[in-house]
Amino acid sequence: LPLSLHAVHALTDAPQLTLLVPGGKPRSGELALTGPLTLASLAALRF
């Protein structure tokens, strides 16, 4: 589960990898995902 859209893009076509995408609001430029949707996504999972 990447916490930035840059990393999501880097892993989109990974052949063996299971990609999970959280909710959230991307910060400009950084494209880091933040906010209540991101926090809720993390709270629902265990890594």
ModelCIF file with pLDDT and N, C-alpha, C, O atoms, coordinates in Angstrom:
data_MODEL
#
_entry.id   MODEL 
#
_entity.id                         1 
_entity.type                       polymer 
_entity.pdbx_number_of_molecules   1 
#
_entity_poly.entity_id                      1 
_entity_poly.type                           'polypeptide(L)' 
_entity_poly.nstd_linkage                   no 
_entity_poly.nstd_monomer                   no 
_entity_poly.pdbx_seq_one_letter_code       LPLSLHAVHALTDAPQLTLLVPGGKPRSGELALTGPLTLASLAALRF 
_entity_poly.pdbx_seq_one_letter_code_can   LPLSLHAVHALTDAPQLTLLVPGGKPRSGELALTGPLTLASLAALRF 
_entity_poly.pdbx_strand_id                 A 
#
loop_
_entity_poly_seq.entity_id 
_entity_poly_seq.num 
_entity_poly_seq.mon_id 
_entity_poly_seq.hetero 
1 1  LEU n 
1 2  PRO n 
1 3  LEU n 
1 4  SER n 
1 5  LEU n 
1 6  HIS n 
1 7  ALA n 
1 8  VAL n 
1 9  HIS n 
1 10 ALA n 
1 11 LEU n 
1 12 THR n 
1 13 ASP n 
1 14 ALA n 
1 15 PRO n 
1 16 GLN n 
1 17 LEU n 
1 18 THR n 
1 19 LEU n 
1 20 LEU n 
1 21 VAL n 
1 22 PRO n 
1 23 GLY n 
1 24 GLY n 
1 25 LYS n 
1 26 PRO n 
1 27 ARG n 
1 28 SER n 
1 29 GLY n 
1 30 GLU n 
1 31 LEU n 
1 32 ALA n 
1 33 LEU n 
1 34 THR n 
1 35 GLY n 
1 36 PRO n 
1 37 LEU n 
1 38 THR n 
1 39 LEU n 
1 40 ALA n 
1 41 SER n 
1 42 LEU n 
1 43 ALA n 
1 44 ALA n 
1 45 LEU n 
1 46 ARG n 
1 47 PHE n 
#
_struct_asym.id          A 
_struct_asym.entity_id   1 
#
loop_
_ma_qa_metric.id 
_ma_qa_metric.mode 
_ma_qa_metric.name 
_ma_qa_metric.software_group_id 
_ma_qa_metric.type 
1 global pLDDT . pLDDT 
2 local  pLDDT . pLDDT 
#
_ma_qa_metric_global.metric_id      1 
_ma_qa_metric_global.metric_value   95.11 
_ma_qa_metric_global.model_id       1 
_ma_qa_metric_global.ordinal_id     1 
#
loop_
_ma_qa_metric_local.label_asym_id 
_ma_qa_metric_local.label_comp_id 
_ma_qa_metric_local.label_seq_id 
_ma_qa_metric_local.metric_id 
_ma_qa_metric_local.metric_value 
_ma_qa_metric_local.model_id 
_ma_qa_metric_local.ordinal_id 
A LEU 1  2 98.00 1 1  
A PRO 2  2 98.00 1 2  
A LEU 3  2 98.00 1 3  
A SER 4  2 97.00 1 4  
A LEU 5  2 96.00 1 5  
A HIS 6  2 95.00 1 6  
A ALA 7  2 96.00 1 7  
A VAL 8  2 97.00 1 8  
A HIS 9  2 96.00 1 9  
A ALA 10 2 96.00 1 10 
A LEU 11 2 98.00 1 11 
A THR 12 2 96.00 1 12 
A ASP 13 2 93.00 1 13 
A ALA 14 2 94.00 1 14 
A PRO 15 2 92.00 1 15 
A GLN 16 2 95.00 1 16 
A LEU 17 2 97.00 1 17 
A THR 18 2 98.00 1 18 
A LEU 19 2 98.00 1 19 
A LEU 20 2 98.00 1 20 
A VAL 21 2 97.00 1 21 
A PRO 22 2 97.00 1 22 
A GLY 23 2 96.00 1 23 
A GLY 24 2 96.00 1 24 
A LYS 25 2 95.00 1 25 
A PRO 26 2 94.00 1 26 
A ARG 27 2 87.00 1 27 
A SER 28 2 77.00 1 28 
A GLY 29 2 72.00 1 29 
A GLU 30 2 83.00 1 30 
A LEU 31 2 90.00 1 31 
A ALA 32 2 95.00 1 32 
A LEU 33 2 97.00 1 33 
A THR 34 2 96.00 1 34 
A GLY 35 2 97.00 1 35 
A PRO 36 2 97.00 1 36 
A LEU 37 2 98.00 1 37 
A THR 38 2 98.00 1 38 
A LEU 39 2 98.00 1 39 
A ALA 40 2 98.00 1 40 
A SER 41 2 98.00 1 41 
A LEU 42 2 98.00 1 42 
A ALA 43 2 98.00 1 43 
A ALA 44 2 98.00 1 44 
A LEU 45 2 98.00 1 45 
A ARG 46 2 98.00 1 46 
A PHE 47 2 98.00 1 47 
#
loop_
_atom_site.group_PDB 
_atom_site.id 
_atom_site.type_symbol 
_atom_site.label_atom_id 
_atom_site.label_alt_id 
_atom_site.label_comp_id 
_atom_site.label_asym_id 
_atom_site.label_entity_id 
_atom_site.label_seq_id 
_atom_site.pdbx_PDB_ins_code 
_atom_site.Cartn_x 
_atom_site.Cartn_y 
_atom_site.Cartn_z 
_atom_site.occupancy 
_atom_site.B_iso_or_equiv 
_atom_site.pdbx_formal_charge 
_atom_site.auth_seq_id 
_atom_site.auth_comp_id 
_atom_site.auth_asym_id 
_atom_site.auth_atom_id 
_atom_site.pdbx_PDB_model_num 
ATOM 1   N N  . LEU A 1 1  ? 0.863  -1.173  0.000   1.00 98.00 ? 1  LEU A N  1 
ATOM 2   C CA . LEU A 1 1  ? 0.000  0.000   0.000   1.00 98.00 ? 1  LEU A CA 1 
ATOM 3   C C  . LEU A 1 1  ? 0.904  1.229   0.000   1.00 98.00 ? 1  LEU A C  1 
ATOM 4   O O  . LEU A 1 1  ? 1.462  1.570   1.043   1.00 98.00 ? 1  LEU A O  1 
ATOM 5   N N  . PRO A 1 2  ? 1.065  1.901   -1.134  1.00 98.00 ? 2  PRO A N  1 
ATOM 6   C CA . PRO A 1 2  ? 1.902  3.098   -1.176  1.00 98.00 ? 2  PRO A CA 1 
ATOM 7   C C  . PRO A 1 2  ? 1.113  4.313   -0.695  1.00 98.00 ? 2  PRO A C  1 
ATOM 8   O O  . PRO A 1 2  ? -0.103 4.389   -0.871  1.00 98.00 ? 2  PRO A O  1 
ATOM 9   N N  . LEU A 1 3  ? 1.821  5.257   -0.088  1.00 98.00 ? 3  LEU A N  1 
ATOM 10  C CA . LEU A 1 3  ? 1.188  6.454   0.450   1.00 98.00 ? 3  LEU A CA 1 
ATOM 11  C C  . LEU A 1 3  ? 1.471  7.684   -0.404  1.00 98.00 ? 3  LEU A C  1 
ATOM 12  O O  . LEU A 1 3  ? 1.352  8.816   0.065   1.00 98.00 ? 3  LEU A O  1 
ATOM 13  N N  . SER A 1 4  ? 1.847  7.453   -1.662  1.00 97.00 ? 4  SER A N  1 
ATOM 14  C CA . SER A 1 4  ? 1.979  8.559   -2.608  1.00 97.00 ? 4  SER A CA 1 
ATOM 15  C C  . SER A 1 4  ? 1.598  8.076   -3.991  1.00 97.00 ? 4  SER A C  1 
ATOM 16  O O  . SER A 1 4  ? 1.769  6.903   -4.324  1.00 97.00 ? 4  SER A O  1 
ATOM 17  N N  . LEU A 1 5  ? 1.078  8.997   -4.798  1.00 96.00 ? 5  LEU A N  1 
ATOM 18  C CA . LEU A 1 5  ? 0.695  8.637   -6.158  1.00 96.00 ? 5  LEU A CA 1 
ATOM 19  C C  . LEU A 1 5  ? 1.910  8.374   -7.037  1.00 96.00 ? 5  LEU A C  1 
ATOM 20  O O  . LEU A 1 5  ? 1.810  7.638   -8.019  1.00 96.00 ? 5  LEU A O  1 
ATOM 21  N N  . HIS A 1 6  ? 3.060  8.964   -6.703  1.00 95.00 ? 6  HIS A N  1 
ATOM 22  C CA . HIS A 1 6  ? 4.288  8.654   -7.439  1.00 95.00 ? 6  HIS A CA 1 
ATOM 23  C C  . HIS A 1 6  ? 4.614  7.161   -7.305  1.00 95.00 ? 6  HIS A C  1 
ATOM 24  O O  . HIS A 1 6  ? 4.928  6.499   -8.294  1.00 95.00 ? 6  HIS A O  1 
ATOM 25  N N  . ALA A 1 7  ? 4.536  6.641   -6.080  1.00 96.00 ? 7  ALA A N  1 
ATOM 26  C CA . ALA A 1 7  ? 4.834  5.229   -5.853  1.00 96.00 ? 7  ALA A CA 1 
ATOM 27  C C  . ALA A 1 7  ? 3.749  4.327   -6.435  1.00 96.00 ? 7  ALA A C  1 
ATOM 28  O O  . ALA A 1 7  ? 4.047  3.248   -6.948  1.00 96.00 ? 7  ALA A O  1 
ATOM 29  N N  . VAL A 1 8  ? 2.488  4.767   -6.356  1.00 97.00 ? 8  VAL A N  1 
ATOM 30  C CA . VAL A 1 8  ? 1.404  4.006   -6.991  1.00 97.00 ? 8  VAL A CA 1 
ATOM 31  C C  . VAL A 1 8  ? 1.702  3.811   -8.475  1.00 97.00 ? 8  VAL A C  1 
ATOM 32  O O  . VAL A 1 8  ? 1.567  2.709   -9.007  1.00 97.00 ? 8  VAL A O  1 
ATOM 33  N N  . HIS A 1 9  ? 2.108  4.893   -9.134  1.00 96.00 ? 9  HIS A N  1 
ATOM 34  C CA . HIS A 1 9  ? 2.435  4.818   -10.567 1.00 96.00 ? 9  HIS A CA 1 
ATOM 35  C C  . HIS A 1 9  ? 3.601  3.862   -10.811 1.00 96.00 ? 9  HIS A C  1 
ATOM 36  O O  . HIS A 1 9  ? 3.582  3.092   -11.771 1.00 96.00 ? 9  HIS A O  1 
ATOM 37  N N  . ALA A 1 10 ? 4.616  3.907   -9.944  1.00 96.00 ? 10 ALA A N  1 
ATOM 38  C CA . ALA A 1 10 ? 5.789  3.048   -10.119 1.00 96.00 ? 10 ALA A CA 1 
ATOM 39  C C  . ALA A 1 10 ? 5.446  1.570   -9.983  1.00 96.00 ? 10 ALA A C  1 
ATOM 40  O O  . ALA A 1 10 ? 6.144  0.723   -10.541 1.00 96.00 ? 10 ALA A O  1 
ATOM 41  N N  . LEU A 1 11 ? 4.376  1.244   -9.246  1.00 98.00 ? 11 LEU A N  1 
ATOM 42  C CA . LEU A 1 11 ? 4.029  -0.154  -8.966  1.00 98.00 ? 11 LEU A CA 1 
ATOM 43  C C  . LEU A 1 11 ? 2.824  -0.653  -9.761  1.00 98.00 ? 11 LEU A C  1 
ATOM 44  O O  . LEU A 1 11 ? 2.429  -1.811  -9.623  1.00 98.00 ? 11 LEU A O  1 
ATOM 45  N N  . THR A 1 12 ? 2.244  0.198   -10.583 1.00 96.00 ? 12 THR A N  1 
ATOM 46  C CA . THR A 1 12 ? 0.988  -0.155  -11.254 1.00 96.00 ? 12 THR A CA 1 
ATOM 47  C C  . THR A 1 12 ? 1.115  -1.404  -12.117 1.00 96.00 ? 12 THR A C  1 
ATOM 48  O O  . THR A 1 12 ? 0.201  -2.230  -12.134 1.00 96.00 ? 12 THR A O  1 
ATOM 49  N N  . ASP A 1 13 ? 2.215  -1.560  -12.826 1.00 93.00 ? 13 ASP A N  1 
ATOM 50  C CA . ASP A 1 13 ? 2.367  -2.696  -13.738 1.00 93.00 ? 13 ASP A CA 1 
ATOM 51  C C  . ASP A 1 13 ? 3.245  -3.804  -13.180 1.00 93.00 ? 13 ASP A C  1 
ATOM 52  O O  . ASP A 1 13 ? 3.694  -4.667  -13.935 1.00 93.00 ? 13 ASP A O  1 
ATOM 53  N N  . ALA A 1 14 ? 3.502  -3.803  -11.864 1.00 94.00 ? 14 ALA A N  1 
ATOM 54  C CA . ALA A 1 14 ? 4.331  -4.844  -11.259 1.00 94.00 ? 14 ALA A CA 1 
ATOM 55  C C  . ALA A 1 14 ? 3.634  -6.200  -11.401 1.00 94.00 ? 14 ALA A C  1 
ATOM 56  O O  . ALA A 1 14 ? 2.501  -6.350  -10.944 1.00 94.00 ? 14 ALA A O  1 
ATOM 57  N N  . PRO A 1 15 ? 4.280  -7.186  -12.019 1.00 92.00 ? 15 PRO A N  1 
ATOM 58  C CA . PRO A 1 15 ? 3.578  -8.420  -12.399 1.00 92.00 ? 15 PRO A CA 1 
ATOM 59  C C  . PRO A 1 15 ? 3.120  -9.302  -11.251 1.00 92.00 ? 15 PRO A C  1 
ATOM 60  O O  . PRO A 1 15 ? 2.033  -9.875  -11.315 1.00 92.00 ? 15 PRO A O  1 
ATOM 61  N N  . GLN A 1 16 ? 3.938  -9.425  -10.186 1.00 95.00 ? 16 GLN A N  1 
ATOM 62  C CA . GLN A 1 16 ? 3.589  -10.340 -9.082  1.00 95.00 ? 16 GLN A CA 1 
ATOM 63  C C  . GLN A 1 16 ? 3.014  -9.619  -7.877  1.00 95.00 ? 16 GLN A C  1 
ATOM 64  O O  . GLN A 1 16 ? 2.502  -10.257 -6.957  1.00 95.00 ? 16 GLN A O  1 
ATOM 65  N N  . LEU A 1 17 ? 3.090  -8.321  -7.873  1.00 97.00 ? 17 LEU A N  1 
ATOM 66  C CA . LEU A 1 17 ? 2.763  -7.537  -6.686  1.00 97.00 ? 17 LEU A CA 1 
ATOM 67  C C  . LEU A 1 17 ? 1.270  -7.238  -6.609  1.00 97.00 ? 17 LEU A C  1 
ATOM 68  O O  . LEU A 1 17 ? 0.640  -6.890  -7.608  1.00 97.00 ? 17 LEU A O  1 
ATOM 69  N N  . THR A 1 18 ? 0.712  -7.381  -5.402  1.00 98.00 ? 18 THR A N  1 
ATOM 70  C CA . THR A 1 18 ? -0.665 -6.959  -5.157  1.00 98.00 ? 18 THR A CA 1 
ATOM 71  C C  . THR A 1 18 ? -0.647 -5.522  -4.673  1.00 98.00 ? 18 THR A C  1 
ATOM 72  O O  . THR A 1 18 ? -0.112 -5.224  -3.605  1.00 98.00 ? 18 THR A O  1 
ATOM 73  N N  . LEU A 1 19 ? -1.233 -4.633  -5.462  1.00 98.00 ? 19 LEU A N  1 
ATOM 74  C CA . LEU A 1 19 ? -1.194 -3.200  -5.159  1.00 98.00 ? 19 LEU A CA 1 
ATOM 75  C C  . LEU A 1 19 ? -2.506 -2.764  -4.524  1.00 98.00 ? 19 LEU A C  1 
ATOM 76  O O  . LEU A 1 19 ? -3.580 -2.962  -5.091  1.00 98.00 ? 19 LEU A O  1 
ATOM 77  N N  . LEU A 1 20 ? -2.406 -2.168  -3.336  1.00 98.00 ? 20 LEU A N  1 
ATOM 78  C CA . LEU A 1 20 ? -3.552 -1.571  -2.668  1.00 98.00 ? 20 LEU A CA 1 
ATOM 79  C C  . LEU A 1 20 ? -3.397 -0.052  -2.732  1.00 98.00 ? 20 LEU A C  1 
ATOM 80  O O  . LEU A 1 20 ? -2.300 0.467   -2.529  1.00 98.00 ? 20 LEU A O  1 
ATOM 81  N N  . VAL A 1 21 ? -4.476 0.652   -3.010  1.00 97.00 ? 21 VAL A N  1 
ATOM 82  C CA . VAL A 1 21 ? -4.414 2.107   -3.134  1.00 97.00 ? 21 VAL A CA 1 
ATOM 83  C C  . VAL A 1 21 ? -5.327 2.731   -2.080  1.00 97.00 ? 21 VAL A C  1 
ATOM 84  O O  . VAL A 1 21 ? -6.531 2.474   -2.084  1.00 97.00 ? 21 VAL A O  1 
ATOM 85  N N  . PRO A 1 22 ? -4.777 3.546   -1.177  1.00 97.00 ? 22 PRO A N  1 
ATOM 86  C CA . PRO A 1 22 ? -5.592 4.163   -0.134  1.00 97.00 ? 22 PRO A CA 1 
ATOM 87  C C  . PRO A 1 22 ? -6.366 5.355   -0.678  1.00 97.00 ? 22 PRO A C  1 
ATOM 88  O O  . PRO A 1 22 ? -6.072 5.861   -1.761  1.00 97.00 ? 22 PRO A O  1 
ATOM 89  N N  . GLY A 1 23 ? -7.349 5.791   0.081   1.00 96.00 ? 23 GLY A N  1 
ATOM 90  C CA . GLY A 1 23 ? -7.984 7.066   -0.225  1.00 96.00 ? 23 GLY A CA 1 
ATOM 91  C C  . GLY A 1 23 ? -7.108 8.198   0.281   1.00 96.00 ? 23 GLY A C  1 
ATOM 92  O O  . GLY A 1 23 ? -6.040 7.967   0.847   1.00 96.00 ? 23 GLY A O  1 
ATOM 93  N N  . GLY A 1 24 ? -7.567 9.416   0.074   1.00 96.00 ? 24 GLY A N  1 
ATOM 94  C CA . GLY A 1 24 ? -6.840 10.556  0.610   1.00 96.00 ? 24 GLY A CA 1 
ATOM 95  C C  . GLY A 1 24 ? -6.705 11.690  -0.377  1.00 96.00 ? 24 GLY A C  1 
ATOM 96  O O  . GLY A 1 24 ? -7.088 11.580  -1.542  1.00 96.00 ? 24 GLY A O  1 
ATOM 97  N N  . LYS A 1 25 ? -6.153 12.782  0.116   1.00 95.00 ? 25 LYS A N  1 
ATOM 98  C CA . LYS A 1 25 ? -5.957 13.983  -0.685  1.00 95.00 ? 25 LYS A CA 1 
ATOM 99  C C  . LYS A 1 25 ? -4.474 14.124  -1.007  1.00 95.00 ? 25 LYS A C  1 
ATOM 100 O O  . LYS A 1 25 ? -3.662 14.226  -0.087  1.00 95.00 ? 25 LYS A O  1 
ATOM 101 N N  . PRO A 1 26 ? -4.090 14.134  -2.295  1.00 94.00 ? 26 PRO A N  1 
ATOM 102 C CA . PRO A 1 26 ? -2.675 14.270  -2.640  1.00 94.00 ? 26 PRO A CA 1 
ATOM 103 C C  . PRO A 1 26 ? -2.178 15.693  -2.414  1.00 94.00 ? 26 PRO A C  1 
ATOM 104 O O  . PRO A 1 26 ? -2.826 16.660  -2.815  1.00 94.00 ? 26 PRO A O  1 
ATOM 105 N N  . ARG A 1 27 ? -1.015 15.812  -1.763  1.00 87.00 ? 27 ARG A N  1 
ATOM 106 C CA . ARG A 1 27 ? -0.368 17.111  -1.633  1.00 87.00 ? 27 ARG A CA 1 
ATOM 107 C C  . ARG A 1 27 ? 0.254  17.505  -2.967  1.00 87.00 ? 27 ARG A C  1 
ATOM 108 O O  . ARG A 1 27 ? 0.832  16.667  -3.659  1.00 87.00 ? 27 ARG A O  1 
ATOM 109 N N  . SER A 1 28 ? 0.138  18.754  -3.320  1.00 77.00 ? 28 SER A N  1 
ATOM 110 C CA . SER A 1 28 ? 0.654  19.246  -4.589  1.00 77.00 ? 28 SER A CA 1 
ATOM 111 C C  . SER A 1 28 ? 2.150  18.954  -4.716  1.00 77.00 ? 28 SER A C  1 
ATOM 112 O O  . SER A 1 28 ? 2.915  19.166  -3.775  1.00 77.00 ? 28 SER A O  1 
ATOM 113 N N  . GLY A 1 29 ? 2.557  18.464  -5.890  1.00 72.00 ? 29 GLY A N  1 
ATOM 114 C CA . GLY A 1 29 ? 3.961  18.179  -6.147  1.00 72.00 ? 29 GLY A CA 1 
ATOM 115 C C  . GLY A 1 29 ? 4.411  16.891  -5.514  1.00 72.00 ? 29 GLY A C  1 
ATOM 116 O O  . GLY A 1 29 ? 4.869  15.982  -6.207  1.00 72.00 ? 29 GLY A O  1 
ATOM 117 N N  . GLU A 1 30 ? 4.286  16.798  -4.204  1.00 83.00 ? 30 GLU A N  1 
ATOM 118 C CA . GLU A 1 30 ? 4.697  15.611  -3.457  1.00 83.00 ? 30 GLU A CA 1 
ATOM 119 C C  . GLU A 1 30 ? 3.818  14.413  -3.804  1.00 83.00 ? 30 GLU A C  1 
ATOM 120 O O  . GLU A 1 30 ? 4.296  13.281  -3.868  1.00 83.00 ? 30 GLU A O  1 
ATOM 121 N N  . LEU A 1 31 ? 2.524  14.674  -4.027  1.00 90.00 ? 31 LEU A N  1 
ATOM 122 C CA . LEU A 1 31 ? 1.511  13.649  -4.290  1.00 90.00 ? 31 LEU A CA 1 
ATOM 123 C C  . LEU A 1 31 ? 1.411  12.638  -3.158  1.00 90.00 ? 31 LEU A C  1 
ATOM 124 O O  . LEU A 1 31 ? 0.963  11.510  -3.365  1.00 90.00 ? 31 LEU A O  1 
ATOM 125 N N  . ALA A 1 32 ? 1.834  13.048  -1.941  1.00 95.00 ? 32 ALA A N  1 
ATOM 126 C CA . ALA A 1 32 ? 1.630  12.223  -0.764  1.00 95.00 ? 32 ALA A CA 1 
ATOM 127 C C  . ALA A 1 32 ? 0.158  12.272  -0.381  1.00 95.00 ? 32 ALA A C  1 
ATOM 128 O O  . ALA A 1 32 ? -0.468 13.331  -0.439  1.00 95.00 ? 32 ALA A O  1 
ATOM 129 N N  . LEU A 1 33 ? -0.394 11.134  0.007   1.00 97.00 ? 33 LEU A N  1 
ATOM 130 C CA . LEU A 1 33 ? -1.803 11.039  0.367   1.00 97.00 ? 33 LEU A CA 1 
ATOM 131 C C  . LEU A 1 33 ? -1.971 11.299  1.857   1.00 97.00 ? 33 LEU A C  1 
ATOM 132 O O  . LEU A 1 33 ? -1.327 10.652  2.683   1.00 97.00 ? 33 LEU A O  1 
ATOM 133 N N  . THR A 1 34 ? -2.842 12.251  2.199   1.00 96.00 ? 34 THR A N  1 
ATOM 134 C CA . THR A 1 34 ? -3.070 12.602  3.590   1.00 96.00 ? 34 THR A CA 1 
ATOM 135 C C  . THR A 1 34 ? -4.560 12.808  3.833   1.00 96.00 ? 34 THR A C  1 
ATOM 136 O O  . THR A 1 34 ? -5.366 12.784  2.903   1.00 96.00 ? 34 THR A O  1 
ATOM 137 N N  . GLY A 1 35 ? -4.907 13.009  5.098   1.00 97.00 ? 35 GLY A N  1 
ATOM 138 C CA . GLY A 1 35 ? -6.287 13.303  5.453   1.00 97.00 ? 35 GLY A CA 1 
ATOM 139 C C  . GLY A 1 35 ? -7.032 12.110  6.018   1.00 97.00 ? 35 GLY A C  1 
ATOM 140 O O  . GLY A 1 35 ? -6.463 11.024  6.136   1.00 97.00 ? 35 GLY A O  1 
ATOM 141 N N  . PRO A 1 36 ? -8.312 12.297  6.375   1.00 97.00 ? 36 PRO A N  1 
ATOM 142 C CA . PRO A 1 36 ? -9.082 11.251  7.063   1.00 97.00 ? 36 PRO A CA 1 
ATOM 143 C C  . PRO A 1 36 ? -9.265 9.982   6.243   1.00 97.00 ? 36 PRO A C  1 
ATOM 144 O O  . PRO A 1 36 ? -9.320 8.892   6.813   1.00 97.00 ? 36 PRO A O  1 
ATOM 145 N N  . LEU A 1 37 ? -9.360 10.092  4.922   1.00 98.00 ? 37 LEU A N  1 
ATOM 146 C CA . LEU A 1 37 ? -9.516 8.883   4.109   1.00 98.00 ? 37 LEU A CA 1 
ATOM 147 C C  . LEU A 1 37 ? -8.253 8.026   4.148   1.00 98.00 ? 37 LEU A C  1 
ATOM 148 O O  . LEU A 1 37 ? -8.332 6.798   4.183   1.00 98.00 ? 37 LEU A O  1 
ATOM 149 N N  . THR A 1 38 ? -7.094 8.675   4.140   1.00 98.00 ? 38 THR A N  1 
ATOM 150 C CA . THR A 1 38 ? -5.830 7.934   4.251   1.00 98.00 ? 38 THR A CA 1 
ATOM 151 C C  . THR A 1 38 ? -5.713 7.280   5.617   1.00 98.00 ? 38 THR A C  1 
ATOM 152 O O  . THR A 1 38 ? -5.321 6.118   5.721   1.00 98.00 ? 38 THR A O  1 
ATOM 153 N N  . LEU A 1 39 ? -6.050 8.020   6.662   1.00 98.00 ? 39 LEU A N  1 
ATOM 154 C CA . LEU A 1 39 ? -5.975 7.469   8.014   1.00 98.00 ? 39 LEU A CA 1 
ATOM 155 C C  . LEU A 1 39 ? -6.933 6.298   8.191   1.00 98.00 ? 39 LEU A C  1 
ATOM 156 O O  . LEU A 1 39 ? -6.605 5.314   8.854   1.00 98.00 ? 39 LEU A O  1 
ATOM 157 N N  . ALA A 1 40 ? -8.116 6.406   7.597   1.00 98.00 ? 40 ALA A N  1 
ATOM 158 C CA . ALA A 1 40 ? -9.091 5.313   7.687   1.00 98.00 ? 40 ALA A CA 1 
ATOM 159 C C  . ALA A 1 40 ? -8.590 4.079   6.945   1.00 98.00 ? 40 ALA A C  1 
ATOM 160 O O  . ALA A 1 40 ? -8.780 2.957   7.413   1.00 98.00 ? 40 ALA A O  1 
ATOM 161 N N  . SER A 1 41 ? -7.959 4.273   5.801   1.00 98.00 ? 41 SER A N  1 
ATOM 162 C CA . SER A 1 41 ? -7.406 3.140   5.043   1.00 98.00 ? 41 SER A CA 1 
ATOM 163 C C  . SER A 1 41 ? -6.354 2.407   5.867   1.00 98.00 ? 41 SER A C  1 
ATOM 164 O O  . SER A 1 41 ? -6.335 1.177   5.899   1.00 98.00 ? 41 SER A O  1 
ATOM 165 N N  . LEU A 1 42 ? -5.485 3.156   6.530   1.00 98.00 ? 42 LEU A N  1 
ATOM 166 C CA . LEU A 1 42 ? -4.435 2.544   7.344   1.00 98.00 ? 42 LEU A CA 1 
ATOM 167 C C  . LEU A 1 42 ? -5.023 1.844   8.571   1.00 98.00 ? 42 LEU A C  1 
ATOM 168 O O  . LEU A 1 42 ? -4.556 0.771   8.956   1.00 98.00 ? 42 LEU A O  1 
ATOM 169 N N  . ALA A 1 43 ? -6.034 2.440   9.180   1.00 98.00 ? 43 ALA A N  1 
ATOM 170 C CA . ALA A 1 43 ? -6.638 1.849   10.379  1.00 98.00 ? 43 ALA A CA 1 
ATOM 171 C C  . ALA A 1 43 ? -7.333 0.528   10.074  1.00 98.00 ? 43 ALA A C  1 
ATOM 172 O O  . ALA A 1 43 ? -7.478 -0.319  10.956  1.00 98.00 ? 43 ALA A O  1 
ATOM 173 N N  . ALA A 1 44 ? -7.765 0.350   8.820   1.00 98.00 ? 44 ALA A N  1 
ATOM 174 C CA . ALA A 1 44 ? -8.505 -0.857  8.437   1.00 98.00 ? 44 ALA A CA 1 
ATOM 175 C C  . ALA A 1 44 ? -7.599 -2.036  8.103   1.00 98.00 ? 44 ALA A C  1 
ATOM 176 O O  . ALA A 1 44 ? -8.096 -3.136  7.865   1.00 98.00 ? 44 ALA A O  1 
ATOM 177 N N  . LEU A 1 45 ? -6.286 -1.835  8.078   1.00 98.00 ? 45 LEU A N  1 
ATOM 178 C CA . LEU A 1 45 ? -5.362 -2.869  7.637   1.00 98.00 ? 45 LEU A CA 1 
ATOM 179 C C  . LEU A 1 45 ? -4.271 -3.110  8.667   1.00 98.00 ? 45 LEU A C  1 
ATOM 180 O O  . LEU A 1 45 ? -4.035 -2.283  9.547   1.00 98.00 ? 45 LEU A O  1 
ATOM 181 N N  . ARG A 1 46 ? -3.607 -4.263  8.545   1.00 98.00 ? 46 ARG A N  1 
ATOM 182 C CA . ARG A 1 46 ? -2.470 -4.606  9.385   1.00 98.00 ? 46 ARG A CA 1 
ATOM 183 C C  . ARG A 1 46 ? -1.341 -5.100  8.475   1.00 98.00 ? 46 ARG A C  1 
ATOM 184 O O  . ARG A 1 46 ? -1.542 -5.978  7.635   1.00 98.00 ? 46 ARG A O  1 
ATOM 185 N N  . PHE A 1 47 ? -0.157 -4.521  8.657   1.00 98.00 ? 47 PHE A N  1 
ATOM 186 C CA . PHE A 1 47 ? 0.965  -4.791  7.768   1.00 98.00 ? 47 PHE A CA 1 
ATOM 187 C C  . PHE A 1 47 ? 2.098  -5.494  8.516   1.00 98.00 ? 47 PHE A C  1 
ATOM 188 O O  . PHE A 1 47 ? 3.131  -5.802  7.923   1.00 98.00 ? 47 PHE A O  1 
#
